[in-house]
């Protein structure tokens, strides 16, 4: 499926705000909520994610058409990676050790910030690297 690349970047901005609030407050519940958002995006698709819905309903109608579309698979993989960090962080915050929650949340925040502020999606890059590696291995 092809998607408007501005949607994941919008989602990354919202994710950055939620993760920053979670990190500042040490809120495992807030991180758990973000982790659910990651899970929805990874499992059922970005279109069904709450942030994707907000983008389509509130932001996209006010913009011109995208200059190009992109494959949804790399951003969905990035959501799965975010889910992993969010799940580990939630466990750390809610069951201990707290430093684990802080570290996992901070790493997810760094990745979300890179995407939201600069359009650099770490999870997408990992996906593309893995795809190139698989393709190279299949030719040997």
Protein backbone atom coordinates (compact mmCIF):
# COMPACT_ATOMS: atom_id res chain seq x y z
CA UNK A 1 0.00 0.00 0.00
CA UNK A 2 1.21 3.50 -0.83
CA UNK A 3 0.84 6.31 1.71
CA UNK A 4 1.29 10.06 1.96
CA UNK A 5 4.75 10.41 3.59
CA UNK A 6 3.61 13.47 5.51
CA UNK A 7 1.29 11.31 7.62
CA UNK A 8 4.02 9.34 9.40
CA UNK A 9 5.95 12.54 10.00
CA UNK A 10 2.88 14.15 11.57
CA UNK A 11 2.48 11.02 13.69
CA UNK A 12 6.13 11.25 14.71
CA UNK A 13 5.56 14.80 15.99
CA UNK A 14 2.63 13.66 18.13
CA UNK A 15 4.63 10.64 19.29
CA UNK A 16 7.51 12.93 20.25
CA UNK A 17 5.18 15.02 22.40
CA UNK A 18 3.65 11.98 24.13
CA UNK A 19 7.02 10.32 24.73
CA UNK A 20 8.53 13.56 26.05
CA UNK A 21 5.64 13.93 28.49
CA UNK A 22 6.04 10.31 29.55
CA UNK A 23 9.77 10.75 30.07
CA UNK A 24 9.37 14.00 32.02
CA UNK A 25 6.63 12.63 34.26
CA UNK A 26 7.83 9.03 34.46
CA UNK A 27 4.31 7.96 33.53
CA UNK A 28 4.10 4.29 32.67
CA UNK A 29 0.41 4.73 31.84
CA UNK A 30 1.17 7.42 29.25
CA UNK A 31 3.92 5.27 27.74
CA UNK A 32 1.50 2.32 27.70
CA UNK A 33 -1.02 4.42 25.76
CA UNK A 34 1.65 5.34 23.20
CA UNK A 35 2.65 1.69 22.99
CA UNK A 36 -0.94 0.82 22.04
CA UNK A 37 -0.74 3.46 19.28
CA UNK A 38 2.49 1.83 18.04
CA UNK A 39 0.83 -1.61 18.10
CA UNK A 40 -2.17 -0.45 16.08
CA UNK A 41 0.08 1.12 13.44
CA UNK A 42 2.28 -1.96 13.21
CA UNK A 43 -0.42 -4.62 13.23
CA UNK A 44 -3.39 -3.18 11.34
CA UNK A 45 -1.71 -0.34 9.47
CA UNK A 46 -0.96 3.34 9.70
CA UNK A 47 -4.36 4.23 8.31
CA UNK A 48 -6.04 2.76 11.41
CA UNK A 49 -3.66 4.33 13.91
CA UNK A 50 -5.21 7.15 15.97
CA UNK A 51 -2.56 9.56 14.70
CA UNK A 52 -3.11 8.43 11.11
CA UNK A 53 -6.82 9.07 11.55
CA UNK A 54 -6.13 12.58 12.92
CA UNK A 55 -3.84 13.29 9.98
CA UNK A 56 -6.41 12.15 7.41
CA UNK A 57 -9.32 14.00 9.03
CA UNK A 58 -7.74 17.24 10.29
CA UNK A 59 -4.44 17.88 8.49
CA UNK A 60 -4.52 16.25 5.05
CA UNK A 61 -7.63 18.12 3.83
CA UNK A 62 -5.78 21.42 4.40
CA UNK A 63 -2.74 20.40 2.35
CA UNK A 64 -2.18 19.99 -1.34
CA UNK A 65 -1.71 16.51 -2.73
CA UNK A 66 1.56 14.82 -1.82
CA UNK A 67 4.39 15.16 -4.31
CA UNK A 68 4.93 11.43 -4.13
CA UNK A 69 3.70 8.42 -2.24
CA UNK A 70 5.80 5.89 -0.31
CA UNK A 71 5.56 2.24 0.60
CA UNK A 72 3.81 1.71 3.93
CA UNK A 73 6.00 -1.25 4.97
CA UNK A 74 9.03 0.69 6.30
CA UNK A 75 6.95 3.01 8.53
CA UNK A 76 4.91 0.02 9.76
CA UNK A 77 8.15 -1.72 10.67
CA UNK A 78 9.21 1.45 12.50
CA UNK A 79 5.94 1.29 14.45
CA UNK A 80 6.78 -2.31 15.41
CA UNK A 81 10.19 -1.20 16.66
CA UNK A 82 8.51 1.61 18.60
CA UNK A 83 6.14 -0.96 20.06
CA UNK A 84 9.10 -3.01 21.27
CA UNK A 85 10.73 -0.05 22.98
CA UNK A 86 7.38 1.11 24.35
CA UNK A 87 6.58 -2.33 25.76
CA UNK A 88 9.97 -2.62 27.45
CA UNK A 89 9.66 0.92 28.79
CA UNK A 90 6.15 0.34 30.09
CA UNK A 91 7.28 -2.75 31.97
CA UNK A 92 10.21 -0.79 33.38
CA UNK A 93 8.03 2.05 34.59
CA UNK A 94 5.20 -0.08 35.96
CA UNK A 95 7.06 -3.11 37.33
CA UNK A 96 10.63 -1.90 37.59
CA UNK A 97 13.37 -1.17 37.22
CA UNK A 98 12.47 2.44 36.54
CA UNK A 99 15.76 3.09 34.76
CA UNK A 100 14.67 0.58 32.11
CA UNK A 101 11.48 2.56 31.52
CA UNK A 102 13.45 5.78 31.29
CA UNK A 103 16.06 4.33 28.91
CA UNK A 104 13.55 2.66 26.57
CA UNK A 105 11.33 5.74 26.51
CA UNK A 106 14.33 8.00 25.81
CA UNK A 107 15.47 5.82 22.90
CA UNK A 108 11.98 5.81 21.38
CA UNK A 109 11.80 9.57 21.91
CA UNK A 110 15.10 10.10 20.09
CA UNK A 111 13.88 8.10 17.09
CA UNK A 112 10.50 9.87 17.00
CA UNK A 113 12.18 13.27 17.26
CA UNK A 114 14.52 12.50 14.34
CA UNK A 115 11.53 11.62 12.19
CA UNK A 116 9.29 14.46 13.33
CA UNK A 117 11.91 17.20 13.17
CA UNK A 118 14.12 16.06 10.28
CA UNK A 119 12.12 13.45 8.37
CA UNK A 120 14.72 10.78 9.18
CA UNK A 121 12.98 7.54 10.12
CA UNK A 122 15.43 5.22 11.90
CA UNK A 123 13.07 2.24 11.82
CA UNK A 124 12.49 2.77 8.09
CA UNK A 125 16.22 2.81 7.48
CA UNK A 126 16.64 -0.44 9.42
CA UNK A 127 13.84 -1.98 7.35
CA UNK A 128 15.48 -0.90 4.09
CA UNK A 129 18.91 -2.14 5.22
CA UNK A 130 17.40 -5.52 6.12
CA UNK A 131 15.61 -5.69 2.75
CA UNK A 132 18.86 -4.94 0.87
CA UNK A 133 20.71 -7.53 2.97
CA UNK A 134 18.04 -10.17 2.25
CA UNK A 135 18.19 -9.35 -1.46
CA UNK A 136 21.97 -9.61 -1.46
CA UNK A 137 21.90 -12.94 0.36
CA UNK A 138 19.36 -14.37 -2.07
CA UNK A 139 21.70 -13.66 -5.00
CA UNK A 140 24.63 -15.56 -3.52
